[in-house]
Every structure is written in C-alpha cells, then in structure tokens.
Amino acid sequence: MGLISKVLGGGVGAAADAVVDVAEVFRPNATREMELGHEAFTASLSQHGAEFQYGRVGWFDRLMNGLNRLPRPMLALGTLGMFVYAMVDPLSFAERMKGLDYVPEPMWWLLGAIVSFYFGARELHYRRRPPTAPSNPPSRRVPSTNPALEAWRSERGG
C-alpha cells in the first residue's frame, strides 16, 4: 500500500503542479499578485520616507512653505475684501468692475482652470485613502433585467 501511494502521490502531485503552471498562463495567481502589490507598496512607501528622513529647516524652505500656504487665505480674504470695498465706495467699485468686462473670455477660462486644478488637487490629496477590502463583498450573481433570460431561468427552475 505504501508503494502504490508513493507512485500515485508523486504522479498526482506532478500533474497538479503542471495544471497550476498551465492555469497561470491564462489567469495570474491572485495570491502572488497581491504579494507583489504589497511589495511594491512597501518599497514606494520606504522610498518616500527616505526622501523626508532629514528635514530641512533653512530659511528658503520656510519661505517656500509659507508661500505654498498663501493662496487659499488670500482668495478667501480677497473676496471678503471686495464685498467690504463695494459697501464702502460703491461708485469706485462699480468703475473697477467695468474693467473686468474687457478681460477676454479665454482668460476667464484659464483662471477657472487654474483655480479648479489647484483646489481640486488639494482636495484629492486629503480625500485619498489606501484601498481596503469591502466589508460586505458583493454577491457573485449579477442581477439581470433581461426578461428573456429571467423566463429561461424560471423554466430551468433556478
């Protein structure tokens, strides 16, 4: 009995390995794909951490950090300042706003694109989350709205 199981076991194991190798040609190994993805994520995370290992605190870095923080408060306070200016001196405000009529439309589109991309990229940066597995995985069966398919399924009894 031991000899037969060794002969059949070795043959069955080799056949199983061959089937796995052939199957991986058509569909990648999901476990190995997850391992490689994790390795790539870990490598990129460690490289990113290495870039910021030694923090710089020079005057130029502080100046750049300060300039990077200016656009949002300047836009918000500037808009509020325009309302105050309109209430304090309405005639002068109206005269200045007439000048905006002479700005060509493509420049307005460009300004809108710049502001949208700045705030959109910033918002995306803070909203981005690492991918996680869903807590309730979706069912395998896809609901169908095809009446012919539903009739066929009811005839089969499933």
N, C-alpha and C. Protein backbone atom coordinates (compact mmCIF):
# COMPACT_ATOMS: atom_id res chain seq x y z
N MET A 1 0.82 -1.19 0.00
CA MET A 1 0.00 0.00 0.00
C MET A 1 0.86 1.25 0.00
N GLY A 2 1.95 1.26 0.72
CA GLY A 2 2.83 2.41 0.77
C GLY A 2 3.49 2.69 -0.56
N LEU A 3 3.84 1.62 -1.28
CA LEU A 3 4.48 1.80 -2.58
C LEU A 3 3.51 2.39 -3.59
N ILE A 4 2.28 1.92 -3.58
CA ILE A 4 1.27 2.43 -4.54
C ILE A 4 0.98 3.89 -4.26
N SER A 5 0.84 4.27 -3.00
CA SER A 5 0.55 5.67 -2.68
C SER A 5 1.71 6.59 -3.05
N LYS A 6 2.95 6.08 -2.89
CA LYS A 6 4.10 6.89 -3.29
C LYS A 6 4.12 7.11 -4.79
N VAL A 7 3.83 6.06 -5.55
CA VAL A 7 3.84 6.17 -7.01
C VAL A 7 2.72 7.08 -7.48
N LEU A 8 1.50 6.83 -6.97
CA LEU A 8 0.37 7.66 -7.38
C LEU A 8 0.48 9.07 -6.83
N GLY A 9 0.97 9.19 -5.59
CA GLY A 9 1.11 10.52 -4.98
C GLY A 9 2.09 11.39 -5.76
N GLY A 10 3.20 10.84 -6.15
CA GLY A 10 4.18 11.61 -6.92
C GLY A 10 3.63 12.00 -8.29
N GLY A 11 2.93 11.07 -8.91
CA GLY A 11 2.36 11.35 -10.23
C GLY A 11 1.25 12.38 -10.16
N VAL A 12 0.39 12.26 -9.15
CA VAL A 12 -0.71 13.20 -8.98
C VAL A 12 -0.16 14.58 -8.62
N GLY A 13 0.85 14.63 -7.76
CA GLY A 13 1.44 15.92 -7.39
C GLY A 13 2.08 16.61 -8.58
N ALA A 14 2.79 15.83 -9.42
CA ALA A 14 3.41 16.42 -10.60
C ALA A 14 2.34 16.90 -11.58
N ALA A 15 1.27 16.13 -11.71
CA ALA A 15 0.18 16.54 -12.61
C ALA A 15 -0.49 17.80 -12.09
N ALA A 16 -0.67 17.87 -10.77
CA ALA A 16 -1.29 19.07 -10.18
C ALA A 16 -0.41 20.29 -10.40
N ASP A 17 0.90 20.14 -10.23
CA ASP A 17 1.83 21.25 -10.47
C ASP A 17 1.78 21.69 -11.92
N ALA A 18 1.68 20.74 -12.84
CA ALA A 18 1.60 21.07 -14.27
C ALA A 18 0.31 21.82 -14.57
N VAL A 19 -0.79 21.40 -13.96
CA VAL A 19 -2.07 22.09 -14.18
C VAL A 19 -1.99 23.52 -13.65
N VAL A 20 -1.37 23.70 -12.49
CA VAL A 20 -1.23 25.05 -11.92
C VAL A 20 -0.39 25.92 -12.85
N ASP A 21 0.71 25.35 -13.37
CA ASP A 21 1.57 26.13 -14.27
C ASP A 21 0.83 26.53 -15.53
N VAL A 22 0.04 25.64 -16.09
CA VAL A 22 -0.73 25.95 -17.31
C VAL A 22 -1.82 26.96 -16.99
N ALA A 23 -2.48 26.82 -15.85
CA ALA A 23 -3.56 27.75 -15.48
C ALA A 23 -3.01 29.15 -15.27
N GLU A 24 -1.79 29.27 -14.75
CA GLU A 24 -1.23 30.60 -14.51
C GLU A 24 -0.86 31.33 -15.79
N VAL A 25 -0.82 30.61 -16.90
CA VAL A 25 -0.59 31.27 -18.19
C VAL A 25 -1.83 32.08 -18.57
N PHE A 26 -3.01 31.54 -18.27
CA PHE A 26 -4.26 32.20 -18.66
C PHE A 26 -4.81 33.14 -17.60
N ARG A 27 -4.59 32.83 -16.34
CA ARG A 27 -5.07 33.68 -15.25
C ARG A 27 -3.97 33.77 -14.21
N PRO A 28 -3.53 35.00 -13.89
CA PRO A 28 -2.43 35.12 -12.93
C PRO A 28 -2.83 34.63 -11.54
N ASN A 29 -1.84 34.19 -10.81
CA ASN A 29 -2.04 33.72 -9.44
C ASN A 29 -2.42 34.92 -8.58
N ALA A 30 -3.63 34.92 -8.04
CA ALA A 30 -4.14 36.07 -7.29
C ALA A 30 -3.33 36.32 -6.03
N THR A 31 -2.92 35.26 -5.34
CA THR A 31 -2.14 35.43 -4.12
C THR A 31 -0.78 36.06 -4.42
N ARG A 32 -0.13 35.57 -5.47
CA ARG A 32 1.18 36.13 -5.84
C ARG A 32 1.03 37.58 -6.30
N GLU A 33 -0.06 37.87 -7.00
CA GLU A 33 -0.30 39.23 -7.44
C GLU A 33 -0.48 40.17 -6.25
N MET A 34 -1.17 39.71 -5.21
CA MET A 34 -1.33 40.52 -4.00
C MET A 34 0.00 40.71 -3.29
N GLU A 35 0.81 39.65 -3.25
CA GLU A 35 2.13 39.76 -2.61
C GLU A 35 3.01 40.77 -3.33
N LEU A 36 3.00 40.72 -4.68
CA LEU A 36 3.81 41.66 -5.45
C LEU A 36 3.31 43.09 -5.27
N GLY A 37 1.99 43.25 -5.22
CA GLY A 37 1.43 44.59 -4.99
C GLY A 37 1.83 45.14 -3.64
N HIS A 38 1.82 44.27 -2.63
CA HIS A 38 2.23 44.71 -1.28
C HIS A 38 3.71 45.06 -1.26
N GLU A 39 4.53 44.27 -1.94
CA GLU A 39 5.97 44.57 -2.00
C GLU A 39 6.22 45.91 -2.68
N ALA A 40 5.49 46.17 -3.78
CA ALA A 40 5.66 47.45 -4.48
C ALA A 40 5.22 48.61 -3.60
N PHE A 41 4.10 48.44 -2.89
CA PHE A 41 3.61 49.48 -2.00
C PHE A 41 4.61 49.75 -0.88
N THR A 42 5.14 48.69 -0.28
CA THR A 42 6.11 48.84 0.79
C THR A 42 7.38 49.53 0.29
N ALA A 43 7.84 49.15 -0.92
CA ALA A 43 9.05 49.77 -1.46
C ALA A 43 8.83 51.25 -1.74
N SER A 44 7.66 51.61 -2.31
CA SER A 44 7.42 53.02 -2.59
C SER A 44 7.26 53.81 -1.30
N LEU A 45 6.65 53.21 -0.30
CA LEU A 45 6.49 53.90 0.99
C LEU A 45 7.82 54.13 1.67
N SER A 46 8.72 53.14 1.61
CA SER A 46 10.03 53.33 2.24
C SER A 46 10.86 54.34 1.47
N GLN A 47 10.73 54.38 0.13
CA GLN A 47 11.45 55.38 -0.64
C GLN A 47 10.94 56.77 -0.32
N HIS A 48 9.62 56.90 -0.20
CA HIS A 48 9.04 58.21 0.15
C HIS A 48 9.52 58.65 1.54
N GLY A 49 9.57 57.71 2.48
CA GLY A 49 10.05 58.04 3.82
C GLY A 49 11.52 58.43 3.82
N ALA A 50 12.31 57.79 2.95
CA ALA A 50 13.74 58.10 2.89
C ALA A 50 13.97 59.52 2.37
N GLU A 51 13.08 59.99 1.49
CA GLU A 51 13.24 61.35 0.97
C GLU A 51 13.09 62.39 2.07
N PHE A 52 12.25 62.10 3.06
CA PHE A 52 11.99 63.08 4.11
C PHE A 52 12.64 62.69 5.43
N GLN A 53 13.64 61.84 5.36
CA GLN A 53 14.30 61.39 6.58
C GLN A 53 15.01 62.55 7.28
N TYR A 54 15.67 63.37 6.51
CA TYR A 54 16.39 64.51 7.07
C TYR A 54 15.64 65.78 6.72
N GLY A 55 14.91 66.32 7.67
CA GLY A 55 14.13 67.53 7.43
C GLY A 55 15.02 68.75 7.35
N ARG A 56 14.71 69.60 6.39
CA ARG A 56 15.47 70.84 6.25
C ARG A 56 14.70 71.96 6.93
N VAL A 57 15.41 72.79 7.62
CA VAL A 57 14.77 73.90 8.32
C VAL A 57 15.44 75.22 7.94
N GLY A 58 15.95 75.30 6.72
CA GLY A 58 16.60 76.53 6.27
C GLY A 58 15.58 77.62 5.98
N TRP A 59 16.08 78.83 5.78
CA TRP A 59 15.19 79.96 5.53
C TRP A 59 14.44 79.79 4.21
N PHE A 60 15.10 79.22 3.21
CA PHE A 60 14.43 79.04 1.91
C PHE A 60 13.26 78.06 2.03
N ASP A 61 13.45 76.98 2.77
CA ASP A 61 12.38 76.00 2.94
C ASP A 61 11.20 76.61 3.72
N ARG A 62 11.50 77.38 4.73
CA ARG A 62 10.43 78.04 5.48
C ARG A 62 9.69 79.04 4.59
N LEU A 63 10.44 79.76 3.73
CA LEU A 63 9.81 80.72 2.82
C LEU A 63 8.88 80.00 1.83
N MET A 64 9.35 78.89 1.26
CA MET A 64 8.53 78.14 0.30
C MET A 64 7.29 77.55 0.96
N ASN A 65 7.43 77.05 2.17
CA ASN A 65 6.27 76.53 2.89
C ASN A 65 5.25 77.63 3.15
N GLY A 66 5.74 78.81 3.49
CA GLY A 66 4.85 79.94 3.71
C GLY A 66 4.13 80.36 2.44
N LEU A 67 4.87 80.41 1.31
CA LEU A 67 4.24 80.77 0.04
C LEU A 67 3.22 79.73 -0.41
N ASN A 68 3.48 78.48 -0.14
CA ASN A 68 2.53 77.43 -0.51
C ASN A 68 1.24 77.51 0.28
N ARG A 69 1.28 78.14 1.44
CA ARG A 69 0.08 78.24 2.27
C ARG A 69 -0.72 79.51 2.00
N LEU A 70 -0.26 80.38 1.13
CA LEU A 70 -0.92 81.66 0.92
C LEU A 70 -2.16 81.66 0.02
N PRO A 71 -2.25 80.88 -1.06
CA PRO A 71 -3.36 81.07 -2.00
C PRO A 71 -4.76 80.97 -1.40
N ARG A 72 -5.02 79.99 -0.59
CA ARG A 72 -6.38 79.83 -0.04
C ARG A 72 -6.80 81.02 0.83
N PRO A 73 -5.99 81.41 1.81
CA PRO A 73 -6.43 82.56 2.61
C PRO A 73 -6.51 83.85 1.80
N MET A 74 -5.60 84.01 0.83
CA MET A 74 -5.65 85.24 0.03
C MET A 74 -6.92 85.30 -0.81
N LEU A 75 -7.33 84.17 -1.40
CA LEU A 75 -8.57 84.17 -2.18
C LEU A 75 -9.78 84.43 -1.28
N ALA A 76 -9.82 83.80 -0.13
CA ALA A 76 -10.96 83.98 0.77
C ALA A 76 -11.02 85.42 1.31
N LEU A 77 -9.90 85.90 1.80
CA LEU A 77 -9.89 87.27 2.35
C LEU A 77 -10.06 88.31 1.25
N GLY A 78 -9.52 88.06 0.07
CA GLY A 78 -9.71 88.99 -1.04
C GLY A 78 -11.16 89.11 -1.46
N THR A 79 -11.87 87.99 -1.47
CA THR A 79 -13.29 88.03 -1.81
C THR A 79 -14.08 88.81 -0.76
N LEU A 80 -13.80 88.56 0.51
CA LEU A 80 -14.47 89.34 1.55
C LEU A 80 -14.10 90.81 1.46
N GLY A 81 -12.84 91.11 1.13
CA GLY A 81 -12.41 92.49 0.97
C GLY A 81 -13.15 93.20 -0.16
N MET A 82 -13.46 92.44 -1.23
CA MET A 82 -14.22 93.06 -2.33
C MET A 82 -15.63 93.44 -1.88
N PHE A 83 -16.26 92.63 -1.02
CA PHE A 83 -17.57 93.00 -0.51
C PHE A 83 -17.50 94.24 0.37
N VAL A 84 -16.47 94.31 1.20
CA VAL A 84 -16.29 95.49 2.05
C VAL A 84 -16.05 96.72 1.18
N TYR A 85 -15.21 96.58 0.15
CA TYR A 85 -14.92 97.70 -0.75
C TYR A 85 -16.18 98.16 -1.47
N ALA A 86 -17.05 97.21 -1.87
CA ALA A 86 -18.29 97.58 -2.55
C ALA A 86 -19.21 98.35 -1.61
N MET A 87 -19.19 98.04 -0.32
CA MET A 87 -20.05 98.77 0.61
C MET A 87 -19.47 100.12 0.99
N VAL A 88 -18.15 100.23 1.06
CA VAL A 88 -17.52 101.48 1.47
C VAL A 88 -17.56 102.51 0.35
N ASP A 89 -17.22 102.08 -0.88
CA ASP A 89 -17.17 103.02 -2.01
C ASP A 89 -17.82 102.37 -3.24
N PRO A 90 -19.16 102.39 -3.31
CA PRO A 90 -19.84 101.69 -4.39
C PRO A 90 -19.52 102.23 -5.79
N LEU A 91 -19.35 103.53 -5.95
CA LEU A 91 -19.07 104.08 -7.27
C LEU A 91 -17.70 103.63 -7.79
N SER A 92 -16.71 103.69 -6.94
CA SER A 92 -15.37 103.25 -7.34
C SER A 92 -15.35 101.75 -7.62
N PHE A 93 -16.09 100.98 -6.81
CA PHE A 93 -16.18 99.54 -7.02
C PHE A 93 -16.81 99.23 -8.38
N ALA A 94 -17.91 99.94 -8.71
CA ALA A 94 -18.59 99.73 -9.99
C ALA A 94 -17.67 100.08 -11.16
N GLU A 95 -16.88 101.12 -10.99
CA GLU A 95 -15.93 101.52 -12.04
C GLU A 95 -14.86 100.44 -12.26
N ARG A 96 -14.37 99.87 -11.18
CA ARG A 96 -13.37 98.80 -11.28
C ARG A 96 -13.97 97.54 -11.91
N MET A 97 -15.23 97.25 -11.59
CA MET A 97 -15.86 96.05 -12.13
C MET A 97 -16.14 96.19 -13.62
N LYS A 98 -16.31 97.42 -14.12
CA LYS A 98 -16.47 97.63 -15.56
C LYS A 98 -15.22 97.19 -16.31
N GLY A 99 -14.09 97.34 -15.67
CA GLY A 99 -12.83 96.93 -16.29
C GLY A 99 -12.77 95.42 -16.52
N LEU A 100 -13.48 94.66 -15.71
CA LEU A 100 -13.50 93.21 -15.88
C LEU A 100 -14.22 92.79 -17.16
N ASP A 101 -15.08 93.68 -17.67
CA ASP A 101 -15.77 93.37 -18.94
C ASP A 101 -14.79 93.29 -20.11
N TYR A 102 -13.65 93.94 -19.98
CA TYR A 102 -12.68 93.96 -21.08
C TYR A 102 -11.72 92.77 -21.06
N VAL A 103 -11.81 91.96 -20.04
CA VAL A 103 -10.97 90.76 -19.98
C VAL A 103 -11.53 89.73 -20.95
N PRO A 104 -10.73 89.22 -21.88
CA PRO A 104 -11.25 88.25 -22.86
C PRO A 104 -11.69 86.94 -22.19
N GLU A 105 -12.68 86.30 -22.81
CA GLU A 105 -13.26 85.08 -22.24
C GLU A 105 -12.24 83.95 -22.05
N PRO A 106 -11.30 83.73 -23.01
CA PRO A 106 -10.32 82.65 -22.76
C PRO A 106 -9.51 82.84 -21.48
N MET A 107 -9.27 84.09 -21.09
CA MET A 107 -8.54 84.32 -19.85
C MET A 107 -9.37 83.94 -18.64
N TRP A 108 -10.69 84.12 -18.70
CA TRP A 108 -11.55 83.68 -17.61
C TRP A 108 -11.53 82.15 -17.50
N TRP A 109 -11.54 81.49 -18.67
CA TRP A 109 -11.48 80.02 -18.66
C TRP A 109 -10.15 79.55 -18.06
N LEU A 110 -9.08 80.24 -18.42
CA LEU A 110 -7.77 79.87 -17.88
C LEU A 110 -7.72 80.07 -16.37
N LEU A 111 -8.25 81.19 -15.90
CA LEU A 111 -8.28 81.44 -14.46
C LEU A 111 -9.11 80.37 -13.74
N GLY A 112 -10.26 80.03 -14.33
CA GLY A 112 -11.11 78.99 -13.74
C GLY A 112 -10.40 77.65 -13.69
N ALA A 113 -9.66 77.31 -14.75
CA ALA A 113 -8.94 76.03 -14.78
C ALA A 113 -7.84 76.00 -13.72
N ILE A 114 -7.11 77.10 -13.59
CA ILE A 114 -6.02 77.15 -12.61
C ILE A 114 -6.57 77.01 -11.20
N VAL A 115 -7.60 77.75 -10.88
CA VAL A 115 -8.17 77.68 -9.54
C VAL A 115 -8.78 76.30 -9.29
N SER A 116 -9.47 75.74 -10.29
CA SER A 116 -10.09 74.42 -10.14
C SER A 116 -9.04 73.34 -9.92
N PHE A 117 -7.97 73.37 -10.71
CA PHE A 117 -6.94 72.36 -10.55
C PHE A 117 -6.21 72.51 -9.22
N TYR A 118 -5.98 73.74 -8.78
CA TYR A 118 -5.28 73.93 -7.51
C TYR A 118 -6.10 73.37 -6.37
N PHE A 119 -7.36 73.79 -6.28
CA PHE A 119 -8.19 73.33 -5.17
C PHE A 119 -8.60 71.88 -5.34
N GLY A 120 -8.82 71.43 -6.58
CA GLY A 120 -9.18 70.03 -6.82
C GLY A 120 -8.07 69.09 -6.43
N ALA A 121 -6.83 69.42 -6.80
CA ALA A 121 -5.70 68.56 -6.45
C ALA A 121 -5.48 68.54 -4.95
N ARG A 122 -5.67 69.66 -4.32
CA ARG A 122 -5.50 69.73 -2.87
C ARG A 122 -6.57 68.90 -2.18
N GLU A 123 -7.81 69.01 -2.66
CA GLU A 123 -8.91 68.23 -2.07
C GLU A 123 -8.69 66.74 -2.28
N LEU A 124 -8.24 66.37 -3.48
CA LEU A 124 -7.98 64.97 -3.78
C LEU A 124 -6.87 64.42 -2.90
N HIS A 125 -5.88 65.26 -2.63
CA HIS A 125 -4.77 64.83 -1.77
C HIS A 125 -5.28 64.44 -0.38
N TYR A 126 -6.22 65.21 0.17
CA TYR A 126 -6.71 64.93 1.51
C TYR A 126 -7.81 63.88 1.53
N ARG A 127 -8.46 63.63 0.42
CA ARG A 127 -9.53 62.63 0.36
C ARG A 127 -9.02 61.24 0.01
N ARG A 128 -7.81 61.15 -0.52
CA ARG A 128 -7.27 59.87 -0.98
C ARG A 128 -7.09 58.92 0.20
N ARG A 129 -7.53 57.72 0.04
CA ARG A 129 -7.42 56.70 1.08
C ARG A 129 -6.76 55.47 0.49
N PRO A 130 -6.03 54.70 1.31
CA PRO A 130 -5.47 53.44 0.80
C PRO A 130 -6.60 52.46 0.50
N PRO A 131 -6.44 51.64 -0.53
CA PRO A 131 -7.51 50.70 -0.86
C PRO A 131 -7.70 49.67 0.25
N THR A 132 -8.96 49.38 0.55
CA THR A 132 -9.27 48.39 1.57
C THR A 132 -10.26 47.40 0.99
N ALA A 133 -10.29 46.24 1.58
CA ALA A 133 -11.23 45.22 1.13
C ALA A 133 -12.63 45.59 1.60
N PRO A 134 -13.65 45.35 0.79
CA PRO A 134 -15.00 45.69 1.22
C PRO A 134 -15.44 44.81 2.38
N SER A 135 -16.19 45.39 3.32
CA SER A 135 -16.64 44.62 4.47
C SER A 135 -17.73 43.63 4.07
N ASN A 136 -18.57 44.00 3.13
CA ASN A 136 -19.59 43.11 2.60
C ASN A 136 -19.28 42.87 1.13
N PRO A 137 -18.62 41.76 0.80
CA PRO A 137 -18.30 41.54 -0.60
C PRO A 137 -19.58 41.33 -1.41
N PRO A 138 -19.61 41.85 -2.65
CA PRO A 138 -20.81 41.70 -3.47
C PRO A 138 -21.04 40.23 -3.82
N SER A 139 -22.30 39.88 -4.04
CA SER A 139 -22.62 38.51 -4.39
C SER A 139 -22.11 38.21 -5.79
N ARG A 140 -21.91 36.93 -6.05
CA ARG A 140 -21.39 36.51 -7.35
C ARG A 140 -22.42 36.71 -8.45
N ARG A 141 -23.69 36.53 -8.13
CA ARG A 141 -24.73 36.59 -9.15
C ARG A 141 -25.07 38.04 -9.45
N VAL A 142 -25.03 38.39 -10.71
CA VAL A 142 -25.34 39.74 -11.14
C VAL A 142 -26.84 39.81 -11.43
N PRO A 143 -27.57 40.76 -10.84
CA PRO A 143 -29.00 40.84 -11.12
C PRO A 143 -29.23 41.19 -12.59
N SER A 144 -30.19 40.54 -13.18
CA SER A 144 -30.46 40.73 -14.60
C SER A 144 -31.81 41.42 -14.78
N THR A 145 -31.88 42.28 -15.76
CA THR A 145 -33.14 42.92 -16.12
C THR A 145 -33.60 42.45 -17.50
N ASN A 146 -33.03 41.36 -17.97
CA ASN A 146 -33.38 40.82 -19.28
C ASN A 146 -34.57 39.88 -19.11
N PRO A 147 -35.77 40.22 -19.67
CA PRO A 147 -36.95 39.38 -19.47
C PRO A 147 -36.78 37.98 -20.06
N ALA A 148 -36.12 37.85 -21.21
CA ALA A 148 -35.94 36.54 -21.83
C ALA A 148 -35.07 35.66 -20.95
N LEU A 149 -34.02 36.23 -20.38
CA LEU A 149 -33.14 35.48 -19.50
C LEU A 149 -33.86 35.05 -18.23
N GLU A 150 -34.69 35.93 -17.68
CA GLU A 150 -35.47 35.58 -16.48
C GLU A 150 -36.45 34.45 -16.78
N ALA A 151 -37.12 34.48 -17.95
CA ALA A 151 -38.04 33.42 -18.33
C ALA A 151 -37.29 32.09 -18.48
N TRP A 152 -36.13 32.14 -19.09
CA TRP A 152 -35.32 30.92 -19.27
C TRP A 152 -34.91 30.35 -17.92
N ARG A 153 -34.51 31.23 -17.00
CA ARG A 153 -34.11 30.77 -15.68
C ARG A 153 -35.30 30.16 -14.92
N SER A 154 -36.49 30.75 -15.06
CA SER A 154 -37.65 30.20 -14.36
C SER A 154 -38.05 28.86 -14.94
N GLU A 155 -37.86 28.65 -16.24
CA GLU A 155 -38.15 27.34 -16.85
C GLU A 155 -37.21 26.27 -16.34
N ARG A 156 -35.96 26.64 -16.13
CA ARG A 156 -34.97 25.69 -15.63
C ARG A 156 -35.17 25.39 -14.15
N GLY A 157 -35.84 26.31 -13.47
CA GLY A 157 -36.08 26.09 -12.03
C GLY A 157 -35.00 26.70 -11.17
N GLY A 158 -34.22 27.63 -11.70
CA GLY A 158 -33.14 28.22 -10.90
C GLY A 158 -33.06 29.62 -11.18
